[in-house]
């Protein structure tokens, strides 16, 4: 087995990324304080062809050196928009026929492994603050909540890890139904 060289990976250009069909998912970052987490979400969004990222509340926006370090250029490929009020972003998405999903541990949440997206539906996944999670008022606005099953002693994952797990899961499910 030989590791592939970068030029053998057949990566698309930023212009090609902008033109290619996207996974019908947008990400909403609700008051994320870590710039490294924000950059990591951009990089994950690039990897799985996510439509757009909404940066809300205290979530920092590019250009920023700390975001750049982990995004590795994904702030140039992935569309993003800053919306001060997460509530406003969710309302805008719902008006555009997105099903809004909070990633949160709540009563009657759906376990990620049990969730099956619908082929023609667009989804917005809301990831919350590293300490407080998704705001209750935002959970209330969402259509439902999904939760990552966790079997160990801890009750949460880092936001960048959570985004990676959820976006990969949804991306792979969409690949099967489209």
N, C-alpha and C. Protein backbone atom coordinates (compact mmCIF):
# COMPACT_ATOMS: atom_id res chain seq x y z
N UNK A 1 0.84 -1.17 0.00
CA UNK A 1 0.00 0.00 0.00
C UNK A 1 0.89 1.24 0.00
N UNK A 2 0.57 2.19 -0.88
CA UNK A 2 1.33 3.42 -0.99
C UNK A 2 0.40 4.61 -0.76
N UNK A 3 0.84 5.52 0.08
CA UNK A 3 0.07 6.74 0.29
C UNK A 3 -0.02 7.52 -1.03
N UNK A 4 -1.18 8.08 -1.28
CA UNK A 4 -1.36 8.89 -2.48
C UNK A 4 -0.77 10.28 -2.26
N UNK A 5 -0.23 10.84 -3.33
CA UNK A 5 0.26 12.21 -3.31
C UNK A 5 -0.93 13.14 -3.49
N UNK A 6 -0.81 14.37 -3.02
CA UNK A 6 -1.91 15.33 -3.12
C UNK A 6 -2.44 15.45 -4.55
N UNK A 7 -1.55 15.49 -5.53
CA UNK A 7 -1.99 15.65 -6.91
C UNK A 7 -2.73 14.42 -7.44
N UNK A 8 -2.65 13.31 -6.74
CA UNK A 8 -3.37 12.09 -7.14
C UNK A 8 -4.77 12.02 -6.54
N UNK A 9 -5.11 12.95 -5.68
CA UNK A 9 -6.40 12.90 -4.99
C UNK A 9 -7.55 13.46 -5.82
N UNK A 10 -7.24 14.09 -6.96
CA UNK A 10 -8.25 14.62 -7.87
C UNK A 10 -9.23 15.55 -7.17
N UNK A 11 -8.75 16.45 -6.36
CA UNK A 11 -9.58 17.42 -5.66
C UNK A 11 -10.10 18.45 -6.65
N UNK A 12 -11.31 18.92 -6.41
CA UNK A 12 -11.89 19.94 -7.28
C UNK A 12 -11.40 21.32 -6.85
N UNK A 13 -11.49 22.27 -7.74
CA UNK A 13 -11.10 23.65 -7.43
C UNK A 13 -12.24 24.33 -6.68
N UNK A 14 -11.96 25.50 -6.12
CA UNK A 14 -12.98 26.28 -5.42
C UNK A 14 -14.10 26.63 -6.41
N UNK A 15 -13.73 27.01 -7.63
CA UNK A 15 -14.75 27.33 -8.63
C UNK A 15 -15.62 26.12 -8.95
N UNK A 16 -15.01 24.96 -9.08
CA UNK A 16 -15.78 23.73 -9.33
C UNK A 16 -16.68 23.41 -8.13
N UNK A 17 -16.17 23.62 -6.92
CA UNK A 17 -16.97 23.39 -5.71
C UNK A 17 -18.23 24.26 -5.74
N UNK A 18 -18.06 25.52 -6.13
CA UNK A 18 -19.19 26.45 -6.16
C UNK A 18 -20.28 25.99 -7.14
N UNK A 19 -19.88 25.30 -8.21
CA UNK A 19 -20.81 24.88 -9.25
C UNK A 19 -21.44 23.51 -9.03
N UNK A 20 -20.80 22.65 -8.28
CA UNK A 20 -21.24 21.27 -8.12
C UNK A 20 -22.52 21.18 -7.29
N UNK A 21 -23.35 20.16 -7.56
CA UNK A 21 -24.54 19.94 -6.75
C UNK A 21 -24.14 19.65 -5.31
N UNK A 22 -24.84 20.29 -4.40
CA UNK A 22 -24.52 20.15 -2.97
C UNK A 22 -25.45 19.16 -2.29
N UNK A 23 -25.01 18.68 -1.14
CA UNK A 23 -25.86 17.91 -0.25
C UNK A 23 -26.91 18.89 0.29
N UNK A 24 -28.20 18.54 0.31
CA UNK A 24 -29.23 19.51 0.70
C UNK A 24 -29.27 19.76 2.22
N UNK A 25 -28.15 20.23 2.72
CA UNK A 25 -27.99 20.50 4.15
C UNK A 25 -27.31 21.85 4.33
N UNK A 26 -27.82 22.64 5.26
CA UNK A 26 -27.09 23.81 5.73
C UNK A 26 -26.80 23.59 7.21
N UNK A 27 -25.76 24.23 7.67
CA UNK A 27 -25.36 24.16 9.07
C UNK A 27 -25.62 25.51 9.71
N UNK A 28 -26.16 25.49 10.91
CA UNK A 28 -26.36 26.71 11.69
C UNK A 28 -25.50 26.57 12.94
N UNK A 29 -24.58 27.50 13.14
CA UNK A 29 -23.74 27.50 14.34
C UNK A 29 -24.30 28.55 15.30
N UNK A 30 -24.85 28.07 16.40
CA UNK A 30 -25.54 28.91 17.38
C UNK A 30 -24.60 29.26 18.54
N UNK A 31 -23.98 30.43 18.44
CA UNK A 31 -23.12 30.95 19.53
C UNK A 31 -21.92 30.06 19.84
N UNK A 32 -21.18 29.69 18.81
CA UNK A 32 -19.96 28.89 18.99
C UNK A 32 -18.82 29.82 19.36
N UNK A 33 -18.14 29.53 20.47
CA UNK A 33 -17.10 30.45 20.94
C UNK A 33 -15.69 30.09 20.45
N UNK A 34 -15.45 28.84 20.12
CA UNK A 34 -14.10 28.41 19.72
C UNK A 34 -13.90 28.62 18.22
N UNK A 35 -12.91 29.44 17.90
CA UNK A 35 -12.58 29.69 16.49
C UNK A 35 -12.06 28.43 15.82
N UNK A 36 -11.38 27.58 16.57
CA UNK A 36 -10.91 26.30 16.00
C UNK A 36 -12.09 25.41 15.64
N UNK A 37 -13.12 25.39 16.48
CA UNK A 37 -14.32 24.62 16.15
C UNK A 37 -14.99 25.16 14.89
N UNK A 38 -15.08 26.45 14.77
CA UNK A 38 -15.69 27.07 13.59
C UNK A 38 -14.92 26.67 12.34
N UNK A 39 -13.61 26.78 12.39
CA UNK A 39 -12.79 26.40 11.24
C UNK A 39 -12.94 24.93 10.89
N UNK A 40 -13.02 24.08 11.90
CA UNK A 40 -13.20 22.65 11.67
C UNK A 40 -14.54 22.35 11.01
N UNK A 41 -15.59 23.06 11.41
CA UNK A 41 -16.90 22.86 10.79
C UNK A 41 -16.84 23.28 9.32
N UNK A 42 -16.16 24.36 9.01
CA UNK A 42 -15.99 24.76 7.61
C UNK A 42 -15.31 23.64 6.81
N UNK A 43 -14.28 23.09 7.36
CA UNK A 43 -13.53 22.03 6.66
C UNK A 43 -14.40 20.80 6.44
N UNK A 44 -15.18 20.42 7.45
CA UNK A 44 -16.09 19.29 7.33
C UNK A 44 -17.18 19.60 6.30
N UNK A 45 -17.70 20.81 6.32
CA UNK A 45 -18.73 21.21 5.36
C UNK A 45 -18.20 21.13 3.93
N UNK A 46 -16.96 21.49 3.73
CA UNK A 46 -16.33 21.37 2.41
C UNK A 46 -16.25 19.90 2.01
N UNK A 47 -15.83 19.06 2.92
CA UNK A 47 -15.63 17.63 2.61
C UNK A 47 -16.93 16.96 2.16
N UNK A 48 -18.06 17.36 2.74
CA UNK A 48 -19.33 16.69 2.46
C UNK A 48 -20.29 17.53 1.62
N UNK A 49 -19.74 18.53 0.91
CA UNK A 49 -20.50 19.35 -0.03
C UNK A 49 -21.75 19.99 0.59
N UNK A 50 -21.58 20.55 1.77
CA UNK A 50 -22.69 21.21 2.46
C UNK A 50 -22.99 22.54 1.77
N UNK A 51 -24.29 22.87 1.64
CA UNK A 51 -24.71 24.07 0.91
C UNK A 51 -24.17 25.37 1.49
N UNK A 52 -24.30 25.51 2.81
CA UNK A 52 -24.00 26.81 3.42
C UNK A 52 -23.88 26.66 4.92
N UNK A 53 -23.18 27.61 5.54
CA UNK A 53 -23.09 27.69 6.99
C UNK A 53 -23.62 29.06 7.41
N UNK A 54 -24.52 29.04 8.41
CA UNK A 54 -24.98 30.28 9.04
C UNK A 54 -24.23 30.42 10.36
N UNK A 55 -23.55 31.53 10.52
CA UNK A 55 -22.81 31.84 11.74
C UNK A 55 -23.66 32.82 12.53
N UNK A 56 -24.07 32.42 13.74
CA UNK A 56 -25.04 33.22 14.49
C UNK A 56 -24.52 33.62 15.86
N UNK A 57 -25.03 34.76 16.34
CA UNK A 57 -24.71 35.23 17.69
C UNK A 57 -23.23 35.57 17.83
N UNK A 58 -22.58 34.98 18.85
CA UNK A 58 -21.17 35.29 19.12
C UNK A 58 -20.21 34.54 18.21
N UNK A 59 -20.74 33.69 17.34
CA UNK A 59 -19.89 32.92 16.43
C UNK A 59 -19.09 33.87 15.55
N UNK A 60 -17.78 33.73 15.58
CA UNK A 60 -16.90 34.61 14.79
C UNK A 60 -17.02 34.27 13.31
N UNK A 61 -16.64 35.24 12.48
CA UNK A 61 -16.71 35.06 11.04
C UNK A 61 -15.33 35.21 10.40
N UNK A 62 -15.14 34.56 9.26
CA UNK A 62 -13.91 34.79 8.50
C UNK A 62 -13.90 36.23 8.00
N UNK A 63 -12.77 36.80 7.69
CA UNK A 63 -11.46 36.17 7.85
C UNK A 63 -10.95 36.32 9.28
N UNK A 64 -10.39 35.29 9.79
CA UNK A 64 -9.81 35.30 11.12
C UNK A 64 -8.72 34.23 11.14
N UNK A 65 -7.54 34.58 11.65
CA UNK A 65 -6.41 33.64 11.61
C UNK A 65 -6.70 32.31 12.29
N UNK A 66 -7.39 32.34 13.42
CA UNK A 66 -7.67 31.09 14.14
C UNK A 66 -8.65 30.20 13.38
N UNK A 67 -9.60 30.81 12.70
CA UNK A 67 -10.52 30.03 11.86
C UNK A 67 -9.75 29.46 10.67
N UNK A 68 -8.94 30.30 10.07
CA UNK A 68 -8.16 29.92 8.88
C UNK A 68 -7.27 28.71 9.15
N UNK A 69 -6.67 28.65 10.34
CA UNK A 69 -5.75 27.56 10.68
C UNK A 69 -6.40 26.19 10.57
N UNK A 70 -7.65 26.08 11.00
CA UNK A 70 -8.31 24.77 10.96
C UNK A 70 -9.17 24.59 9.70
N UNK A 71 -9.63 25.68 9.11
CA UNK A 71 -10.47 25.57 7.91
C UNK A 71 -9.65 25.21 6.68
N UNK A 72 -8.38 25.57 6.67
CA UNK A 72 -7.48 25.27 5.55
C UNK A 72 -8.07 25.64 4.18
N UNK A 73 -8.65 26.83 4.09
CA UNK A 73 -9.18 27.32 2.82
C UNK A 73 -10.66 27.07 2.60
N UNK A 74 -11.30 26.30 3.48
CA UNK A 74 -12.72 25.98 3.29
C UNK A 74 -13.63 27.20 3.43
N UNK A 75 -13.14 28.28 4.03
CA UNK A 75 -13.96 29.49 4.12
C UNK A 75 -14.10 30.14 2.74
N UNK A 76 -13.26 29.73 1.81
CA UNK A 76 -13.35 30.24 0.44
C UNK A 76 -14.30 29.40 -0.41
N UNK A 77 -14.43 28.12 -0.10
CA UNK A 77 -15.27 27.24 -0.91
C UNK A 77 -16.71 27.18 -0.40
N UNK A 78 -16.90 27.07 0.91
CA UNK A 78 -18.24 26.91 1.48
C UNK A 78 -18.90 28.27 1.65
N UNK A 79 -20.12 28.40 1.12
CA UNK A 79 -20.88 29.63 1.30
C UNK A 79 -21.20 29.80 2.78
N UNK A 80 -21.18 31.04 3.25
CA UNK A 80 -21.53 31.31 4.64
C UNK A 80 -22.16 32.69 4.74
N UNK A 81 -22.88 32.86 5.84
CA UNK A 81 -23.53 34.13 6.11
C UNK A 81 -23.60 34.33 7.62
N UNK A 82 -23.37 35.57 8.05
CA UNK A 82 -23.53 35.89 9.46
C UNK A 82 -24.94 36.44 9.68
N UNK A 83 -25.63 35.87 10.66
CA UNK A 83 -26.94 36.36 11.09
C UNK A 83 -26.85 36.52 12.60
N UNK A 84 -27.00 37.74 13.07
CA UNK A 84 -26.81 38.01 14.50
C UNK A 84 -27.73 37.17 15.39
N UNK A 85 -28.99 37.04 14.99
CA UNK A 85 -29.98 36.34 15.81
C UNK A 85 -30.27 34.96 15.20
N UNK A 86 -29.97 33.91 15.94
CA UNK A 86 -30.20 32.55 15.46
C UNK A 86 -31.67 32.34 15.12
N UNK A 87 -32.55 32.93 15.91
CA UNK A 87 -33.99 32.84 15.67
C UNK A 87 -34.32 33.31 14.25
N UNK A 88 -33.74 34.42 13.85
CA UNK A 88 -33.96 34.97 12.51
C UNK A 88 -33.48 33.99 11.43
N UNK A 89 -32.33 33.38 11.65
CA UNK A 89 -31.79 32.42 10.68
C UNK A 89 -32.72 31.22 10.53
N UNK A 90 -33.22 30.70 11.65
CA UNK A 90 -34.11 29.54 11.62
C UNK A 90 -35.41 29.90 10.90
N UNK A 91 -35.96 31.05 11.20
CA UNK A 91 -37.20 31.47 10.53
C UNK A 91 -37.00 31.61 9.02
N UNK A 92 -35.87 32.18 8.64
CA UNK A 92 -35.55 32.34 7.21
C UNK A 92 -35.45 30.96 6.53
N UNK A 93 -34.80 30.02 7.20
CA UNK A 93 -34.65 28.68 6.64
C UNK A 93 -36.00 27.96 6.53
N UNK A 94 -36.82 28.09 7.55
CA UNK A 94 -38.15 27.45 7.52
C UNK A 94 -38.99 28.02 6.38
N UNK A 95 -38.90 29.33 6.15
CA UNK A 95 -39.64 29.96 5.05
C UNK A 95 -39.14 29.45 3.70
N UNK A 96 -37.89 28.99 3.66
CA UNK A 96 -37.31 28.43 2.43
C UNK A 96 -37.47 26.91 2.38
N UNK A 97 -38.38 26.38 3.18
CA UNK A 97 -38.74 24.96 3.19
C UNK A 97 -37.65 24.01 3.68
N UNK A 98 -36.81 24.49 4.57
CA UNK A 98 -35.85 23.61 5.23
C UNK A 98 -36.52 23.01 6.47
N UNK A 99 -36.26 21.74 6.72
CA UNK A 99 -36.63 21.12 7.98
C UNK A 99 -35.48 21.41 8.93
N UNK A 100 -35.76 22.04 10.05
CA UNK A 100 -34.72 22.47 10.98
C UNK A 100 -34.59 21.45 12.12
N UNK A 101 -33.36 21.01 12.32
CA UNK A 101 -33.06 19.96 13.29
C UNK A 101 -32.04 20.50 14.29
N UNK A 102 -32.38 20.43 15.57
CA UNK A 102 -31.42 20.78 16.62
C UNK A 102 -30.62 19.52 16.95
N UNK A 103 -29.32 19.65 17.03
CA UNK A 103 -28.51 18.55 17.54
C UNK A 103 -28.41 18.78 19.04
N UNK A 104 -29.25 18.07 19.76
CA UNK A 104 -29.35 18.32 21.20
C UNK A 104 -29.98 17.12 21.90
N UNK A 105 -29.63 16.97 23.16
CA UNK A 105 -30.22 15.93 24.00
C UNK A 105 -31.48 16.50 24.62
N UNK A 106 -32.63 16.09 24.08
CA UNK A 106 -33.92 16.60 24.55
C UNK A 106 -34.89 15.43 24.67
N UNK A 107 -36.00 15.68 25.32
CA UNK A 107 -37.07 14.69 25.37
C UNK A 107 -37.50 14.34 23.95
N UNK A 108 -37.67 13.07 23.69
CA UNK A 108 -38.15 12.57 22.40
C UNK A 108 -37.22 12.86 21.22
N UNK A 109 -35.93 13.06 21.49
CA UNK A 109 -35.00 13.23 20.38
C UNK A 109 -34.93 11.92 19.60
N UNK A 110 -34.52 12.03 18.34
CA UNK A 110 -34.33 10.87 17.48
C UNK A 110 -32.85 10.54 17.46
N UNK A 111 -32.51 9.31 17.73
CA UNK A 111 -31.10 8.92 17.66
C UNK A 111 -30.64 9.02 16.21
N UNK A 112 -29.46 9.55 16.01
CA UNK A 112 -28.92 9.78 14.68
C UNK A 112 -28.98 8.50 13.83
N UNK A 113 -28.63 7.37 14.40
CA UNK A 113 -28.63 6.13 13.63
C UNK A 113 -30.04 5.69 13.22
N UNK A 114 -31.08 6.22 13.87
CA UNK A 114 -32.46 5.90 13.52
C UNK A 114 -33.08 6.91 12.55
N UNK A 115 -32.43 8.03 12.35
CA UNK A 115 -32.98 9.07 11.48
C UNK A 115 -32.74 8.74 10.01
N UNK A 116 -33.81 8.83 9.23
CA UNK A 116 -33.72 8.61 7.78
C UNK A 116 -34.19 9.86 7.06
N UNK A 117 -33.28 10.58 6.41
CA UNK A 117 -33.70 11.78 5.67
C UNK A 117 -34.57 11.41 4.47
N UNK A 118 -35.42 12.34 4.06
CA UNK A 118 -36.26 12.16 2.88
C UNK A 118 -35.51 12.71 1.67
N UNK A 119 -35.59 12.01 0.57
CA UNK A 119 -34.81 12.33 -0.63
C UNK A 119 -34.98 13.76 -1.12
N UNK A 120 -36.17 14.29 -1.11
CA UNK A 120 -36.40 15.60 -1.69
C UNK A 120 -36.47 16.73 -0.66
N UNK A 121 -36.16 16.41 0.58
CA UNK A 121 -36.23 17.40 1.66
C UNK A 121 -34.87 18.08 1.87
N UNK A 122 -34.90 19.36 2.22
CA UNK A 122 -33.69 20.10 2.58
C UNK A 122 -33.67 20.22 4.10
N UNK A 123 -32.48 20.12 4.69
CA UNK A 123 -32.34 20.14 6.14
C UNK A 123 -31.38 21.23 6.59
N UNK A 124 -31.68 21.80 7.75
CA UNK A 124 -30.77 22.71 8.44
C UNK A 124 -30.47 22.08 9.80
N UNK A 125 -29.19 21.87 10.07
CA UNK A 125 -28.79 21.25 11.34
C UNK A 125 -28.15 22.31 12.22
N UNK A 126 -28.69 22.47 13.42
CA UNK A 126 -28.24 23.50 14.35
C UNK A 126 -27.32 22.88 15.40
N UNK A 127 -26.11 23.40 15.48
CA UNK A 127 -25.13 22.99 16.48
C UNK A 127 -24.99 24.13 17.48
N UNK A 128 -24.99 23.80 18.78
CA UNK A 128 -25.01 24.82 19.80
C UNK A 128 -23.68 25.08 20.49
N UNK A 129 -23.73 26.05 21.35
CA UNK A 129 -22.59 26.49 22.15
C UNK A 129 -21.93 25.32 22.87
N UNK A 130 -20.61 25.41 23.00
CA UNK A 130 -19.81 24.33 23.59
C UNK A 130 -20.21 24.00 25.03
N UNK A 131 -20.71 24.97 25.76
CA UNK A 131 -21.07 24.74 27.16
C UNK A 131 -22.59 24.59 27.33
N UNK A 132 -23.35 25.48 26.72
CA UNK A 132 -24.80 25.53 26.94
C UNK A 132 -25.62 24.78 25.90
N UNK A 133 -24.99 24.37 24.80
CA UNK A 133 -25.73 23.68 23.75
C UNK A 133 -26.60 24.63 22.94
N UNK A 134 -27.57 24.07 22.24
CA UNK A 134 -28.50 24.86 21.46
C UNK A 134 -29.47 25.54 22.43
N UNK A 135 -29.68 26.83 22.25
CA UNK A 135 -30.59 27.58 23.11
C UNK A 135 -31.98 26.94 23.10
N UNK A 136 -32.65 26.92 24.25
CA UNK A 136 -33.99 26.32 24.34
C UNK A 136 -34.96 26.94 23.35
N UNK A 137 -34.91 28.27 23.20
CA UNK A 137 -35.84 28.92 22.26
C UNK A 137 -35.59 28.46 20.82
N UNK A 138 -34.35 28.09 20.52
CA UNK A 138 -34.02 27.60 19.17
C UNK A 138 -34.48 26.15 19.03
N UNK A 139 -34.28 25.36 20.08
CA UNK A 139 -34.80 23.98 20.09
C UNK A 139 -36.31 24.02 19.84
N UNK A 140 -37.00 24.94 20.50
CA UNK A 140 -38.45 25.07 20.35
C UNK A 140 -38.86 25.41 18.91
N UNK A 141 -38.03 26.16 18.21
CA UNK A 141 -38.32 26.54 16.83
C UNK A 141 -38.08 25.42 15.83
N UNK A 142 -37.19 24.50 16.18
CA UNK A 142 -36.82 23.43 15.26
C UNK A 142 -37.95 22.41 15.12
N UNK A 143 -37.94 21.72 14.00
CA UNK A 143 -38.96 20.70 13.73
C UNK A 143 -38.81 19.50 14.64
N UNK A 144 -37.57 19.14 14.94
CA UNK A 144 -37.27 18.05 15.86
C UNK A 144 -35.80 18.09 16.22
N UNK A 145 -35.39 17.15 17.04
CA UNK A 145 -33.99 17.09 17.49
C UNK A 145 -33.43 15.70 17.21
N UNK A 146 -32.18 15.67 16.81
CA UNK A 146 -31.47 14.40 16.72
C UNK A 146 -30.36 14.40 17.76
N UNK A 147 -29.96 13.22 18.13
CA UNK A 147 -28.95 13.04 19.18
C UNK A 147 -27.98 11.96 18.72
N UNK A 148 -26.70 12.18 18.99
CA UNK A 148 -25.69 11.17 18.70
C UNK A 148 -25.67 10.18 19.86
N UNK A 149 -25.90 8.90 19.59
CA UNK A 149 -25.85 7.92 20.68
C UNK A 149 -24.45 7.91 21.31
N UNK A 150 -24.42 7.93 22.62
CA UNK A 150 -23.15 7.89 23.35
C UNK A 150 -23.28 6.89 24.49
N UNK A 151 -22.34 5.99 24.58
CA UNK A 151 -22.46 4.89 25.53
C UNK A 151 -21.44 4.95 26.67
N UNK A 152 -20.54 5.91 26.63
CA UNK A 152 -19.51 6.01 27.66
C UNK A 152 -19.95 6.83 28.86
N UNK A 153 -18.97 7.32 29.60
CA UNK A 153 -19.26 8.07 30.83
C UNK A 153 -19.52 9.55 30.57
N UNK A 154 -19.14 10.06 29.43
CA UNK A 154 -19.34 11.49 29.11
C UNK A 154 -20.68 11.68 28.43
N UNK A 155 -21.22 12.86 28.53
CA UNK A 155 -22.55 13.12 27.97
C UNK A 155 -22.53 14.04 26.76
N UNK A 156 -21.34 14.40 26.27
CA UNK A 156 -21.29 15.26 25.10
C UNK A 156 -20.00 15.05 24.33
N UNK A 157 -20.01 15.53 23.09
CA UNK A 157 -18.84 15.52 22.22
C UNK A 157 -18.50 16.96 21.86
N UNK A 158 -17.26 17.20 21.52
CA UNK A 158 -16.84 18.51 21.02
C UNK A 158 -17.67 18.84 19.78
N UNK A 159 -17.96 20.11 19.58
CA UNK A 159 -18.78 20.52 18.44
C UNK A 159 -18.18 20.10 17.10
N UNK A 160 -16.87 20.21 16.95
CA UNK A 160 -16.24 19.82 15.69
C UNK A 160 -16.41 18.32 15.45
N UNK A 161 -16.30 17.53 16.50
CA UNK A 161 -16.50 16.08 16.39
C UNK A 161 -17.97 15.80 16.08
N UNK A 162 -18.87 16.46 16.78
CA UNK A 162 -20.30 16.28 16.54
C UNK A 162 -20.66 16.61 15.09
N UNK A 163 -20.16 17.72 14.60
CA UNK A 163 -20.43 18.11 13.21
C UNK A 163 -19.90 17.06 12.25
N UNK A 164 -18.71 16.55 12.51
CA UNK A 164 -18.15 15.51 11.65
C UNK A 164 -19.00 14.27 11.62
N UNK A 165 -19.44 13.82 12.79
CA UNK A 165 -20.26 12.62 12.89
C UNK A 165 -21.60 12.82 12.18
N UNK A 166 -22.29 13.90 12.49
CA UNK A 166 -23.63 14.15 11.95
C UNK A 166 -23.58 14.39 10.45
N UNK A 167 -22.67 15.24 9.99
CA UNK A 167 -22.62 15.56 8.57
C UNK A 167 -22.20 14.35 7.74
N UNK A 168 -21.28 13.54 8.24
CA UNK A 168 -20.92 12.31 7.53
C UNK A 168 -22.13 11.37 7.46
N UNK A 169 -22.82 11.21 8.57
CA UNK A 169 -23.97 10.31 8.60
C UNK A 169 -25.03 10.77 7.60
N UNK A 170 -25.38 12.02 7.62
CA UNK A 170 -26.41 12.54 6.72
C UNK A 170 -25.95 12.47 5.26
N UNK A 171 -24.69 12.84 5.02
CA UNK A 171 -24.14 12.77 3.67
C UNK A 171 -24.22 11.35 3.12
N UNK A 172 -23.81 10.38 3.92
CA UNK A 172 -23.81 8.99 3.46
C UNK A 172 -25.24 8.49 3.24
N UNK A 173 -26.19 8.91 4.05
CA UNK A 173 -27.59 8.52 3.86
C UNK A 173 -28.16 9.15 2.60
N UNK A 174 -27.81 10.40 2.33
CA UNK A 174 -28.28 11.06 1.11
C UNK A 174 -27.71 10.39 -0.12
N UNK A 175 -26.48 9.95 -0.07
CA UNK A 175 -25.86 9.27 -1.22
C UNK A 175 -26.64 8.02 -1.60
N UNK A 176 -27.23 7.35 -0.61
CA UNK A 176 -27.98 6.12 -0.85
C UNK A 176 -29.37 6.37 -1.43
N UNK A 177 -29.96 7.53 -1.13
CA UNK A 177 -31.35 7.77 -1.55
C UNK A 177 -31.47 8.68 -2.75
N UNK A 178 -30.38 9.18 -3.24
CA UNK A 178 -30.45 10.11 -4.40
C UNK A 178 -30.00 9.43 -5.66
